[in-house]
Amino acid sequence: MNRLPSDHPTHHRFADTDTLIGALPNPRLRRLALQGDVRLFHRHTVLLQEGVPGEELVIILEGRLRVFSTSGGARPREVTYGICGPGDVVGEMSLDGDLRSASVQALHPSWCSVVPRIQLLDFIAQEPAFALDLLATVVARARLATQTVRQVLFTDTYARDRKSTRLNSSHTDISRMPS
């Protein structure tokens, strides 16, 4: 396990990797996080870049990350796909060896366990049930994307705004992996 030096501060306090990892909701995710390289990403740091080959899975231990894409061009626009927090994983969509489909940026100082692809594959060989955990995350995100597209294409602006307001006031985090 990679340990942070005891004098390595995080936003006005010291990071205790055992406590951060121990707070993860899924026991398999905890075991995998122990194998990763625990890093602090400062606010505004881009951890994962859209269009670049993906070689690692990131497990969020503390903080908040924004998943987004930019249009590029002379007048680039951004779309935010979601905000992820402790217990969430990002980077799973490119573990097939393809290019990353989105970028990920730290909104706050964020502690994460960064697991290389080869280490993840070894872990899945030892703990095949984790593949189902990861699949559940991918499926939930695909369903959310489908619902979003359907809402944008088939719902008028006023109804979309009302529904969005209701959803934001009763936010349910679907990206949590099952125990």
Foldseek 3Di string as FASTA:
>chain_A
DADDPQPDPDDPGGDDVCVLLVPAPDPLSSVQLVVFHKDKAAAFDWPAAFFAQFFKKKAWSAAKKWKKAWPDDPDIDMDTLDIDGHNFMPRLVRLVRGTHHTIMGTRHTTIIGIGTSVSVVVSCVVVVVVVVQSVQLVVLSVVVVVVVVCCVVPPDPVVSVVVVVVCVVVPDDSNHGDD
